[in-house]
C-alpha atoms as a PDB file:
ATOM      1  CA  MET A   1       0.033   0.210  -0.085  1.00  0.00           C
ATOM      2  CA  THR A   2       1.373   3.359  -0.772  1.00  0.00           C
ATOM      3  CA  ALA A   3       0.379   6.724   1.546  1.00  0.00           C
ATOM      4  CA  GLN A   4      -1.407   9.118   0.123  1.00  0.00           C
ATOM      5  CA  THR A   5       0.716  12.920  -0.182  1.00  0.00           C
ATOM      6  CA  GLY A   6      -0.437  16.644  -0.249  1.00  0.00           C
ATOM      7  CA  GLN A   7       1.036  19.833  -0.737  1.00  0.00           C
ATOM      8  CA  VAL A   8      -0.173  22.951   1.102  1.00  0.00           C
ATOM      9  CA  TYR A   9       0.085  26.295  -0.882  1.00  0.00           C
ATOM     10  CA  ASP A  10       0.089  29.808   0.702  1.00  0.00           C
ATOM     11  CA  THR A  11      -1.266  31.796  -2.237  1.00  0.00           C
ATOM     12  CA  GLY A  12      -1.430  34.825   0.238  1.00  0.00           C
ATOM     13  CA  PHE A  13      -5.390  35.344   0.397  1.00  0.00           C
ATOM     14  CA  ARG A  14      -6.736  37.007   3.443  1.00  0.00           C
ATOM     15  CA  ARG A  15      -9.848  37.026   4.795  1.00  0.00           C
ATOM     16  CA  TYR A  16     -11.951  40.080   5.017  1.00  0.00           C
ATOM     17  CA  LEU A  17     -11.792  41.022   8.493  1.00  0.00           C
ATOM     18  CA  GLY A  18     -13.494  44.571   8.077  1.00  0.00           C
ATOM     19  CA  PRO A  19     -16.603  46.063   8.612  1.00  0.00           C
ATOM     20  CA  ARG A  20     -19.637  44.544   6.139  1.00  0.00           C
ATOM     21  CA  GLU A  21     -21.518  47.284   5.152  1.00  0.00           C
ATOM     22  CA  GLY A  22     -24.333  45.381   3.192  1.00  0.00           C
ATOM     23  CA  ARG A  23     -26.439  46.955   1.018  1.00  0.00           C
ATOM     24  CA  ARG A  24     -25.916  50.286   1.701  1.00  0.00           C
ATOM     25  CA  ARG A  25     -22.575  50.392   0.253  1.00  0.00           C
ATOM     26  CA  ALA A  26     -23.338  48.373  -2.161  1.00  0.00           C
ATOM     27  CA  ARG A  27     -25.732  50.807  -3.308  1.00  0.00           C
ATOM     28  CA  MET A  28     -23.757  53.827  -2.834  1.00  0.00           C
ATOM     29  CA  GLY A  29     -21.040  52.011  -5.283  1.00  0.00           C
ATOM     30  CA  VAL A  30     -23.611  51.800  -7.957  1.00  0.00           C
ATOM     31  CA  TYR A  31     -24.580  55.143  -7.457  1.00  0.00           C
ATOM     32  CA  ARG A  32     -21.190  56.468  -7.529  1.00  0.00           C
ATOM     33  CA  ASP A  33     -20.302  54.416 -10.823  1.00  0.00           C
ATOM     34  CA  GLY A  34     -23.269  55.955 -12.617  1.00  0.00           C
ATOM     35  CA  LEU A  35     -22.660  59.176 -12.280  1.00  0.00           C
ATOM     36  CA  ARG A  36     -18.981  58.573 -13.477  1.00  0.00           C
ATOM     37  CA  ALA A  37     -20.688  57.065 -16.260  1.00  0.00           C
ATOM     38  CA  ALA A  38     -22.761  59.676 -17.191  1.00  0.00           C
ATOM     39  CA  LEU A  39     -20.180  62.187 -16.933  1.00  0.00           C
ATOM     40  CA  GLY A  40     -17.646  60.010 -18.904  1.00  0.00           C
ATOM     41  CA  ILE A  41     -15.226  60.274 -15.393  1.00  0.00           C
ATOM     42  CA  GLY A  42     -12.814  57.418 -15.398  1.00  0.00           C
ATOM     43  CA  ARG A  43     -12.890  56.717 -18.767  1.00  0.00           C
ATOM     44  CA  GLY A  44     -11.413  57.687 -22.240  1.00  0.00           C
ATOM     45  CA  GLY A  45     -11.211  61.389 -23.297  1.00  0.00           C
ATOM     46  CA  ARG A  46     -13.853  60.314 -26.601  1.00  0.00           C
ATOM     47  CA  ALA A  47     -16.685  58.827 -23.681  1.00  0.00           C
ATOM     48  CA  LYS A  48     -16.162  62.626 -21.951  1.00  0.00           C
ATOM     49  CA  ILE A  49     -17.081  64.543 -25.080  1.00  0.00           C
ATOM     50  CA  LEU A  50     -20.410  64.405 -25.590  1.00  0.00           C
ATOM     51  CA  PRO A  51     -21.844  64.671 -21.723  1.00  0.00           C
ATOM     52  CA  TRP A  52     -19.679  67.511 -21.538  1.00  0.00           C
ATOM     53  CA  ILE A  53     -20.558  69.256 -24.837  1.00  0.00           C
ATOM     54  CA  PHE A  54     -24.376  69.164 -23.509  1.00  0.00           C
ATOM     55  CA  ILE A  55     -23.534  70.458 -20.375  1.00  0.00           C
ATOM     56  CA  GLY A  56     -21.568  73.172 -21.408  1.00  0.00           C
ATOM     57  CA  SER A  57     -24.507  74.198 -24.022  1.00  0.00           C
ATOM     58  CA  MET A  58     -26.775  74.684 -21.266  1.00  0.00           C
ATOM     59  CA  VAL A  59     -24.712  76.841 -19.326  1.00  0.00           C
ATOM     60  CA  VAL A  60     -23.499  78.745 -22.120  1.00  0.00           C
ATOM     61  CA  THR A  61     -27.713  78.857 -23.111  1.00  0.00           C
ATOM     62  CA  GLY A  62     -28.229  80.567 -19.622  1.00  0.00           C
ATOM     63  CA  LEU A  63     -25.260  82.838 -20.035  1.00  0.00           C
ATOM     64  CA  VAL A  64     -26.477  84.576 -23.571  1.00  0.00           C
ATOM     65  CA  MET A  65     -29.862  84.569 -21.963  1.00  0.00           C
ATOM     66  CA  ALA A  66     -28.686  86.194 -19.112  1.00  0.00           C
ATOM     67  CA  LEU A  67     -26.104  88.808 -21.332  1.00  0.00           C
ATOM     68  CA  LEU A  68     -29.313  89.583 -23.596  1.00  0.00           C
ATOM     69  CA  ALA A  69     -31.733  90.610 -20.571  1.00  0.00           C
ATOM     70  CA  GLY A  70     -29.445  92.089 -18.950  1.00  0.00           C
ATOM     71  CA  LEU A  71     -28.535  94.168 -21.671  1.00  0.00           C
ATOM     72  CA  ALA A  72     -31.824  95.477 -22.419  1.00  0.00           C
ATOM     73  CA  ASN A  73     -32.272  96.632 -19.057  1.00  0.00           C
ATOM     74  CA  ARG A  74     -29.512  98.345 -18.856  1.00  0.00           C
ATOM     75  CA  ILE A  75     -30.173 100.327 -22.512  1.00  0.00           C
ATOM     76  CA  GLY A  76     -34.098 100.585 -21.773  1.00  0.00           C
ATOM     77  CA  GLY A  77     -34.444 100.585 -18.389  1.00  0.00           C
ATOM     78  CA  GLU A  78     -35.832  98.395 -15.864  1.00  0.00           C
ATOM     79  CA  GLY A  79     -38.778  95.633 -17.497  1.00  0.00           C
ATOM     80  CA  THR A  80     -37.161  96.080 -21.104  1.00  0.00           C
ATOM     81  CA  SER A  81     -36.638  92.755 -21.254  1.00  0.00           C
ATOM     82  CA  ALA A  82     -39.826  91.336 -20.631  1.00  0.00           C
ATOM     83  CA  GLU A  83     -41.909  93.801 -23.099  1.00  0.00           C
ATOM     84  CA  LEU A  84     -39.326  92.467 -25.955  1.00  0.00           C
ATOM     85  CA  ASN A  85     -40.415  88.840 -24.492  1.00  0.00           C
ATOM     86  CA  LEU A  86     -36.929  87.826 -24.281  1.00  0.00           C
ATOM     87  CA  PRO A  87     -36.363  84.497 -22.993  1.00  0.00           C
ATOM     88  CA  SER A  88     -36.911  84.443 -19.142  1.00  0.00           C
ATOM     89  CA  HIS A  89     -36.699  81.619 -16.468  1.00  0.00           C
ATOM     90  CA  ALA A  90     -40.261  80.702 -17.549  1.00  0.00           C
ATOM     91  CA  GLN A  91     -39.160  80.367 -21.061  1.00  0.00           C
ATOM     92  CA  PHE A  92     -35.875  78.626 -20.429  1.00  0.00           C
ATOM     93  CA  TYR A  93     -37.140  74.972 -20.042  1.00  0.00           C
ATOM     94  CA  GLY A  94     -38.733  75.416 -23.276  1.00  0.00           C
ATOM     95  CA  THR A  95     -35.765  76.651 -25.407  1.00  0.00           C
ATOM     96  CA  ALA A  96     -33.202  74.361 -23.798  1.00  0.00           C
ATOM     97  CA  SER A  97     -36.125  71.001 -23.485  1.00  0.00           C
ATOM     98  CA  ILE A  98     -34.622  69.756 -27.005  1.00  0.00           C
ATOM     99  CA  MET A  99     -31.304  69.806 -25.423  1.00  0.00           C
ATOM    100  CA  MET A 100     -32.188  67.677 -22.451  1.00  0.00           C
ATOM    101  CA  PHE A 101     -33.549  65.106 -24.771  1.00  0.00           C
ATOM    102  CA  LEU A 102     -31.160  64.555 -26.581  1.00  0.00           C
ATOM    103  CA  PHE A 103     -28.518  64.461 -23.808  1.00  0.00           C
ATOM    104  CA  ALA A 104     -30.528  61.921 -22.021  1.00  0.00           C
ATOM    105  CA  ALA A 105     -31.392  60.096 -25.095  1.00  0.00           C
ATOM    106  CA  THR A 106     -27.211  59.576 -26.024  1.00  0.00           C
ATOM    107  CA  VAL A 107     -26.036  59.630 -22.316  1.00  0.00           C
ATOM    108  CA  ALA A 108     -28.891  56.945 -20.291  1.00  0.00           C
ATOM    109  CA  PRO A 109     -27.981  54.080 -22.326  1.00  0.00           C
ATOM    110  CA  GLU A 110     -24.546  53.833 -21.007  1.00  0.00           C
ATOM    111  CA  LEU A 111     -25.801  53.256 -17.033  1.00  0.00           C
ATOM    112  CA  LEU A 112     -27.759  50.381 -18.442  1.00  0.00           C
ATOM    113  CA  CYS A 113     -26.726  48.835 -21.654  1.00  0.00           C
ATOM    114  CA  SER A 114     -22.834  47.956 -21.013  1.00  0.00           C
ATOM    115  CA  ASP A 115     -23.175  46.056 -18.487  1.00  0.00           C
ATOM    116  CA  ARG A 116     -26.189  43.923 -19.567  1.00  0.00           C
ATOM    117  CA  ARG A 117     -24.191  43.271 -22.626  1.00  0.00           C
ATOM    118  CA  SER A 118     -21.036  42.522 -20.559  1.00  0.00           C
ATOM    119  CA  GLY A 119     -22.850  40.420 -18.636  1.00  0.00           C
ATOM    120  CA  ALA A 120     -21.376  42.496 -15.490  1.00  0.00           C
ATOM    121  CA  ILE A 121     -25.384  42.948 -14.090  1.00  0.00           C
ATOM    122  CA  TYR A 122     -24.701  39.400 -12.654  1.00  0.00           C
ATOM    123  CA  LEU A 123     -21.933  40.091 -10.880  1.00  0.00           C
ATOM    124  CA  TYR A 124     -23.676  43.540  -9.469  1.00  0.00           C
ATOM    125  CA  LEU A 125     -26.429  41.169  -8.039  1.00  0.00           C
ATOM    126  CA  VAL A 126     -25.067  38.883  -5.931  1.00  0.00           C
ATOM    127  CA  ARG A 127     -26.231  39.057  -2.960  1.00  0.00           C
ATOM    128  CA  PRO A 128     -27.182  41.570  -0.900  1.00  0.00           C
ATOM    129  CA  LEU A 129     -27.686  43.985  -3.754  1.00  0.00           C
ATOM    130  CA  THR A 130     -30.878  43.294  -5.661  1.00  0.00           C
ATOM    131  CA  GLY A 131     -32.012  43.844  -8.916  1.00  0.00           C
ATOM    132  CA  ALA A 132     -34.271  46.972  -7.711  1.00  0.00           C
ATOM    133  CA  ASP A 133     -31.326  48.317  -5.848  1.00  0.00           C
ATOM    134  CA  TYR A 134     -29.219  48.344  -9.066  1.00  0.00           C
ATOM    135  CA  ALA A 135     -31.866  49.989 -10.649  1.00  0.00           C
ATOM    136  CA  GLY A 136     -32.673  52.773  -8.173  1.00  0.00           C
ATOM    137  CA  ALA A 137     -29.256  53.711  -7.945  1.00  0.00           C
ATOM    138  CA  ARG A 138     -28.565  54.054 -11.466  1.00  0.00           C
ATOM    139  CA  TRP A 139     -32.309  55.919 -11.667  1.00  0.00           C
ATOM    140  CA  LEU A 140     -30.446  58.269  -8.783  1.00  0.00           C
ATOM    141  CA  ALA A 141     -27.553  58.878 -10.490  1.00  0.00           C
ATOM    142  CA  PHE A 142     -28.829  59.702 -13.380  1.00  0.00           C
ATOM    143  CA  LEU A 143     -31.590  61.711 -11.927  1.00  0.00           C
ATOM    144  CA  SER A 144     -28.746  63.675  -9.969  1.00  0.00           C
ATOM    145  CA  VAL A 145     -27.049  64.637 -13.266  1.00  0.00           C
ATOM    146  CA  MET A 146     -29.959  65.869 -14.793  1.00  0.00           C
ATOM    147  CA  LEU A 147     -30.834  68.160 -11.903  1.00  0.00           C
ATOM    148  CA  ALA A 148     -27.563  69.490 -12.485  1.00  0.00           C
ATOM    149  CA  VAL A 149     -28.403  70.039 -15.786  1.00  0.00           C
ATOM    150  CA  ALA A 150     -31.232  71.634 -15.055  1.00  0.00           C
ATOM    151  CA  TRP A 151     -30.380  73.779 -13.072  1.00  0.00           C
ATOM    152  CA  LEU A 152     -26.768  75.006 -13.469  1.00  0.00           C
ATOM    153  CA  PRO A 153     -28.049  77.048 -16.629  1.00  0.00           C
ATOM    154  CA  GLN A 154     -31.098  78.767 -14.352  1.00  0.00           C
ATOM    155  CA  PHE A 155     -28.462  79.813 -11.715  1.00  0.00           C
ATOM    156  CA  VAL A 156     -26.137  81.258 -14.443  1.00  0.00           C
ATOM    157  CA  LEU A 157     -29.066  83.346 -15.664  1.00  0.00           C
ATOM    158  CA  PHE A 158     -30.447  84.305 -12.491  1.00  0.00           C
ATOM    159  CA  ALA A 159     -27.172  85.604 -11.692  1.00  0.00           C
ATOM    160  CA  GLY A 160     -27.071  87.360 -14.743  1.00  0.00           C
ATOM    161  CA  LEU A 161     -30.227  88.670 -14.143  1.00  0.00           C
ATOM    162  CA  VAL A 162     -29.465  90.039 -10.821  1.00  0.00           C
ATOM    163  CA  LEU A 163     -25.843  91.781 -11.674  1.00  0.00           C
ATOM    164  CA  GLY A 164     -27.554  93.352 -14.827  1.00  0.00           C
ATOM    165  CA  ALA A 165     -30.432  95.105 -13.161  1.00  0.00           C
ATOM    166  CA  GLN A 166     -30.241  98.763 -12.528  1.00  0.00           C
ATOM    167  CA  ASP A 167     -31.440  98.104  -8.610  1.00  0.00           C
ATOM    168  CA  THR A 168     -30.403  94.437  -7.472  1.00  0.00           C
ATOM    169  CA  GLY A 169     -31.901  94.931  -4.412  1.00  0.00           C
ATOM    170  CA  GLU A 170     -35.365  96.039  -6.094  1.00  0.00           C
ATOM    171  CA  TYR A 171     -34.552  92.844  -8.267  1.00  0.00           C
ATOM    172  CA  LEU A 172     -34.663  90.438  -5.928  1.00  0.00           C
ATOM    173  CA  LYS A 173     -37.406  91.802  -3.824  1.00  0.00           C
ATOM    174  CA  ASP A 174     -40.163  91.396  -7.106  1.00  0.00           C
ATOM    175  CA  ASN A 175     -38.497  88.156  -8.792  1.00  0.00           C
ATOM    176  CA  TRP A 176     -37.289  86.258  -5.682  1.00  0.00           C
ATOM    177  CA  LEU A 177     -39.777  83.827  -6.410  1.00  0.00           C
ATOM    178  CA  ASP A 178     -38.189  82.600  -9.702  1.00  0.00           C
ATOM    179  CA  VAL A 179     -35.590  80.678  -8.033  1.00  0.00           C
ATOM    180  CA  PRO A 180     -38.389  78.178  -6.125  1.00  0.00           C
ATOM    181  CA  ARG A 181     -40.598  78.027  -9.654  1.00  0.00           C
ATOM    182  CA  PHE A 182     -37.635  77.141 -11.935  1.00  0.00           C
ATOM    183  CA  LEU A 183     -36.391  74.724  -9.274  1.00  0.00           C
ATOM    184  CA  ALA A 184     -39.153  72.459  -9.490  1.00  0.00           C
ATOM    185  CA  ALA A 185     -39.656  72.984 -13.249  1.00  0.00           C
ATOM    186  CA  GLY A 186     -36.235  71.885 -12.677  1.00  0.00           C
ATOM    187  CA  VAL A 187     -37.393  68.392 -10.898  1.00  0.00           C
ATOM    188  CA  VAL A 188     -39.854  68.231 -13.280  1.00  0.00           C
ATOM    189  CA  MET A 189     -38.240  67.968 -16.119  1.00  0.00           C
ATOM    190  CA  ALA A 190     -35.241  65.721 -14.781  1.00  0.00           C
ATOM    191  CA  LEU A 191     -37.730  62.959 -13.069  1.00  0.00           C
ATOM    192  CA  TYR A 192     -39.538  62.937 -16.668  1.00  0.00           C
ATOM    193  CA  VAL A 193     -36.597  62.260 -18.738  1.00  0.00           C
ATOM    194  CA  THR A 194     -34.294  60.169 -16.538  1.00  0.00           C
ATOM    195  CA  THR A 195     -37.270  57.893 -16.067  1.00  0.00           C
ATOM    196  CA  LEU A 196     -38.437  57.934 -19.724  1.00  0.00           C
ATOM    197  CA  ALA A 197     -34.997  57.112 -20.956  1.00  0.00           C
ATOM    198  CA  LEU A 198     -33.746  54.745 -18.302  1.00  0.00           C
ATOM    199  CA  ALA A 199     -36.722  52.666 -18.743  1.00  0.00           C
ATOM    200  CA  VAL A 200     -36.611  52.447 -22.749  1.00  0.00           C
ATOM    201  CA  ALA A 201     -32.308  51.640 -22.026  1.00  0.00           C
ATOM    202  CA  ALA A 202     -33.358  48.726 -20.040  1.00  0.00           C
ATOM    203  CA  PHE A 203     -34.726  46.799 -22.976  1.00  0.00           C
ATOM    204  CA  THR A 204     -31.940  46.546 -25.056  1.00  0.00           C
ATOM    205  CA  THR A 205     -28.065  45.904 -24.383  1.00  0.00           C
ATOM    206  CA  ARG A 206     -27.307  48.166 -27.757  1.00  0.00           C
ATOM    207  CA  ARG A 207     -26.728  52.205 -26.890  1.00  0.00           C
ATOM    208  CA  ALA A 208     -27.105  53.228 -30.193  1.00  0.00           C
ATOM    209  CA  TYR A 209     -30.487  51.736 -30.015  1.00  0.00           C
ATOM    210  CA  ALA A 210     -31.903  52.811 -27.424  1.00  0.00           C
ATOM    211  CA  ALA A 211     -30.932  56.398 -28.372  1.00  0.00           C
ATOM    212  CA  ALA A 212     -32.225  56.354 -31.908  1.00  0.00           C
ATOM    213  CA  PHE A 213     -35.354  54.766 -30.411  1.00  0.00           C
ATOM    214  CA  LEU A 214     -35.701  57.700 -27.813  1.00  0.00           C
ATOM    215  CA  ILE A 215     -34.736  60.417 -30.685  1.00  0.00           C
ATOM    216  CA  GLY A 216     -37.557  58.713 -32.979  1.00  0.00           C
ATOM    217  CA  LEU A 217     -40.063  58.654 -30.284  1.00  0.00           C
ATOM    218  CA  PHE A 218     -39.660  61.912 -29.305  1.00  0.00           C
ATOM    219  CA  VAL A 219     -39.027  63.138 -33.153  1.00  0.00           C
ATOM    220  CA  ILE A 220     -42.164  61.122 -34.201  1.00  0.00           C
ATOM    221  CA  SER A 221     -44.839  61.752 -31.726  1.00  0.00           C
ATOM    222  CA  THR A 222     -43.894  65.815 -31.913  1.00  0.00           C
ATOM    223  CA  ALA A 223     -44.882  65.939 -35.729  1.00  0.00           C
ATOM    224  CA  VAL A 224     -47.547  63.403 -35.048  1.00  0.00           C
ATOM    225  CA  ALA A 225     -49.009  65.459 -32.642  1.00  0.00           C
ATOM    226  CA  GLY A 226     -48.388  68.646 -34.842  1.00  0.00           C
ATOM    227  CA  GLY A 227     -50.477  67.537 -37.883  1.00  0.00           C
ATOM    228  CA  VAL A 228     -53.011  65.723 -35.781  1.00  0.00           C
ATOM    229  CA  GLY A 229     -53.634  68.378 -33.225  1.00  0.00           C
ATOM    230  CA  GLU A 230     -54.057  70.908 -36.472  1.00  0.00           C
ATOM    231  CA  SER A 231     -56.722  68.850 -38.694  1.00  0.00           C
ATOM    232  CA  LEU A 232     -58.893  68.264 -35.752  1.00  0.00           C
ATOM    233  CA  ASP A 233     -60.955  70.603 -34.444  1.00  0.00           C
ATOM    234  CA  GLY A 234     -61.986  71.586 -30.888  1.00  0.00           C
ATOM    235  CA  THR A 235     -61.654  69.400 -27.910  1.00  0.00           C
ATOM    236  CA  ALA A 236     -60.072  66.642 -30.112  1.00  0.00           C
ATOM    237  CA  GLY A 237     -57.616  68.756 -31.509  1.00  0.00           C
ATOM    238  CA  GLN A 238     -56.361  69.646 -28.027  1.00  0.00           C
ATOM    239  CA  TRP A 239     -55.922  65.947 -26.821  1.00  0.00           C
ATOM    240  CA  ALA A 240     -54.218  64.839 -29.989  1.00  0.00           C
ATOM    241  CA  SER A 241     -51.796  67.292 -29.205  1.00  0.00           C
ATOM    242  CA  LEU A 242     -50.676  66.112 -25.777  1.00  0.00           C
ATOM    243  CA  ILE A 243     -49.302  62.818 -28.183  1.00  0.00           C
ATOM    244  CA  ALA A 244     -45.561  65.101 -28.324  1.00  0.00           C
ATOM    245  CA  LEU A 245     -43.766  63.975 -25.541  1.00  0.00           C
ATOM    246  CA  SER A 246     -41.355  66.739 -25.950  1.00  0.00           C
ATOM    247  CA  SER A 247     -44.157  68.785 -24.853  1.00  0.00           C
ATOM    248  CA  VAL A 248     -45.041  66.888 -21.743  1.00  0.00           C
ATOM    249  CA  PRO A 249     -42.937  68.551 -18.979  1.00  0.00           C
ATOM    250  CA  VAL A 250     -42.780  72.171 -20.443  1.00  0.00           C
ATOM    251  CA  TYR A 251     -46.565  72.181 -19.958  1.00  0.00           C
ATOM    252  CA  VAL A 252     -46.006  71.704 -16.466  1.00  0.00           C
ATOM    253  CA  ASN A 253     -43.484  74.038 -16.341  1.00  0.00           C
ATOM    254  CA  ASP A 254     -45.897  76.384 -17.578  1.00  0.00           C
ATOM    255  CA  VAL A 255     -48.356  75.646 -14.711  1.00  0.00           C
ATOM    256  CA  ILE A 256     -45.637  76.604 -12.222  1.00  0.00           C
ATOM    257  CA  PHE A 257     -44.887  80.094 -13.758  1.00  0.00           C
ATOM    258  CA  GLY A 258     -48.594  80.729 -14.442  1.00  0.00           C
ATOM    259  CA  LYS A 259     -47.990  81.281 -17.979  1.00  0.00           C
ATOM    260  CA  ALA A 260     -47.120  79.565 -21.367  1.00  0.00           C
ATOM    261  CA  SER A 261     -43.705  79.442 -23.097  1.00  0.00           C
ATOM    262  CA  ASP A 262     -43.316  80.113 -26.317  1.00  0.00           C
ATOM    263  CA  PHE A 263     -42.394  76.466 -27.001  1.00  0.00           C
ATOM    264  CA  THR A 264     -46.174  74.922 -26.221  1.00  0.00           C
ATOM    265  CA  SER A 265     -48.149  78.675 -26.657  1.00  0.00           C
ATOM    266  CA  GLY A 266     -49.001  77.788 -29.948  1.00  0.00           C
ATOM    267  CA  SER A 267     -50.318  74.163 -29.034  1.00  0.00           C
ATOM    268  CA  PRO A 268     -53.965  73.329 -28.949  1.00  0.00           C
ATOM    269  CA  ALA A 269     -53.237  71.134 -25.845  1.00  0.00           C
ATOM    270  CA  GLN A 270     -52.626  74.372 -23.616  1.00  0.00           C
ATOM    271  CA  LEU A 271     -56.570  75.282 -23.976  1.00  0.00           C
ATOM    272  CA  LEU A 272     -56.942  71.968 -21.528  1.00  0.00           C
ATOM    273  CA  PRO A 273     -57.572  72.434 -18.015  1.00  0.00           C
ATOM    274  CA  GLU A 274     -53.767  72.449 -15.653  1.00  0.00           C
ATOM    275  CA  TYR A 275     -54.806  69.602 -14.055  1.00  0.00           C
ATOM    276  CA  VAL A 276     -54.538  67.371 -17.374  1.00  0.00           C
ATOM    277  CA  HIS A 277     -51.475  68.507 -18.082  1.00  0.00           C
ATOM    278  CA  VAL A 278     -50.167  67.512 -14.329  1.00  0.00           C
ATOM    279  CA  LEU A 279     -52.002  64.335 -14.810  1.00  0.00           C
ATOM    280  CA  TRP A 280     -50.299  63.632 -18.038  1.00  0.00           C
ATOM    281  CA  TRP A 281     -46.841  64.307 -16.729  1.00  0.00           C
ATOM    282  CA  VAL A 282     -47.793  62.004 -14.076  1.00  0.00           C
ATOM    283  CA  LEU A 283     -48.508  59.180 -16.147  1.00  0.00           C
ATOM    284  CA  TRP A 284     -45.443  59.332 -18.528  1.00  0.00           C
ATOM    285  CA  THR A 285     -43.154  59.680 -15.542  1.00  0.00           C
ATOM    286  CA  VAL A 286     -44.595  56.611 -13.110  1.00  0.00           C
ATOM    287  CA  GLY A 287     -45.612  54.601 -15.903  1.00  0.00           C
ATOM    288  CA  PRO A 288     -42.353  54.026 -17.431  1.00  0.00           C
ATOM    289  CA  GLY A 289     -40.806  54.333 -13.671  1.00  0.00           C
ATOM    290  CA  THR A 290     -42.897  50.719 -12.858  1.00  0.00           C
ATOM    291  CA  VAL A 291     -41.627  49.432 -15.909  1.00  0.00           C
ATOM    292  CA  LEU A 292     -37.860  50.117 -15.190  1.00  0.00           C
ATOM    293  CA  TRP A 293     -38.248  48.478 -11.807  1.00  0.00           C
ATOM    294  CA  GLN A 294     -40.400  45.491 -12.958  1.00  0.00           C
ATOM    295  CA  LYS A 295     -38.056  44.829 -15.174  1.00  0.00           C
ATOM    296  CA  TYR A 296     -34.888  45.024 -12.874  1.00  0.00           C
ATOM    297  CA  ARG A 297     -36.675  43.518  -9.959  1.00  0.00           C
ATOM    298  CA  ARG A 298     -37.379  39.919 -12.337  1.00  0.00           C
ATOM    299  CA  LEU A 299     -33.871  40.516 -13.169  1.00  0.00           C
ATOM    300  CA  GLY A 300     -32.547  40.263  -9.637  1.00  0.00           C
ATOM    301  CA  ALA A 301     -35.076  37.189  -8.217  1.00  0.00           C
END
């Protein structure tokens, strides 16, 4: 009989003896990684070009609007910019909504499609992280980016209008309510765009497909709403005009500021009651959000 022999190798592995932070730490890790992915941080230069071009364009838009309004008030006196109907806080989201939609359509798929295509999602979904945790962290990360994209140009515009006013104190006294209004309207815009973009990206592993579908959805719905809304008379045309998905959050912006923006002023849907626009926005925000949550909840089950 021969004796069995064996060898023991020291591979250098050590047990983790630190604190185990569970799901909270995992969620924060996915959230931080989502921020980096959306902004192209930690990746090559090409990945940074697109998001920062959009963010820079939004800031420049707010700066140009502030310079125009400030110059008009300096030359013609206080209130000249309003008389000339120059862009203001109430008009900004209508003007910038297209850029925000393009930003979301091209950047949001980066947060979901890459992980599903490479299979990395299944590494994330080892316990204690669940599919709903992953989707919620990614959603919150992109929402944070979209809020920054929405609010930063408005603050630039507000600062420019304050500095350009002949009497800064009087301007602040008369217009301070614009701040909570554009903050609330920014939340409305960011929630809608973030949720819809990520819900679409959850159904494909190809970023280009998700971006093309979203852009096509906005373009086609806007064209159909314009054609059908103008061809139908009365209430039917007003309801048909709601099909334009690019206008959904802008109508709520109009409700918040109490006046129609140039982006929606010519739409028959503007004649509908305000609560209709709010409910329509809720439907297009909660609905895709539920679809996104259900998709990843089943994935992690």
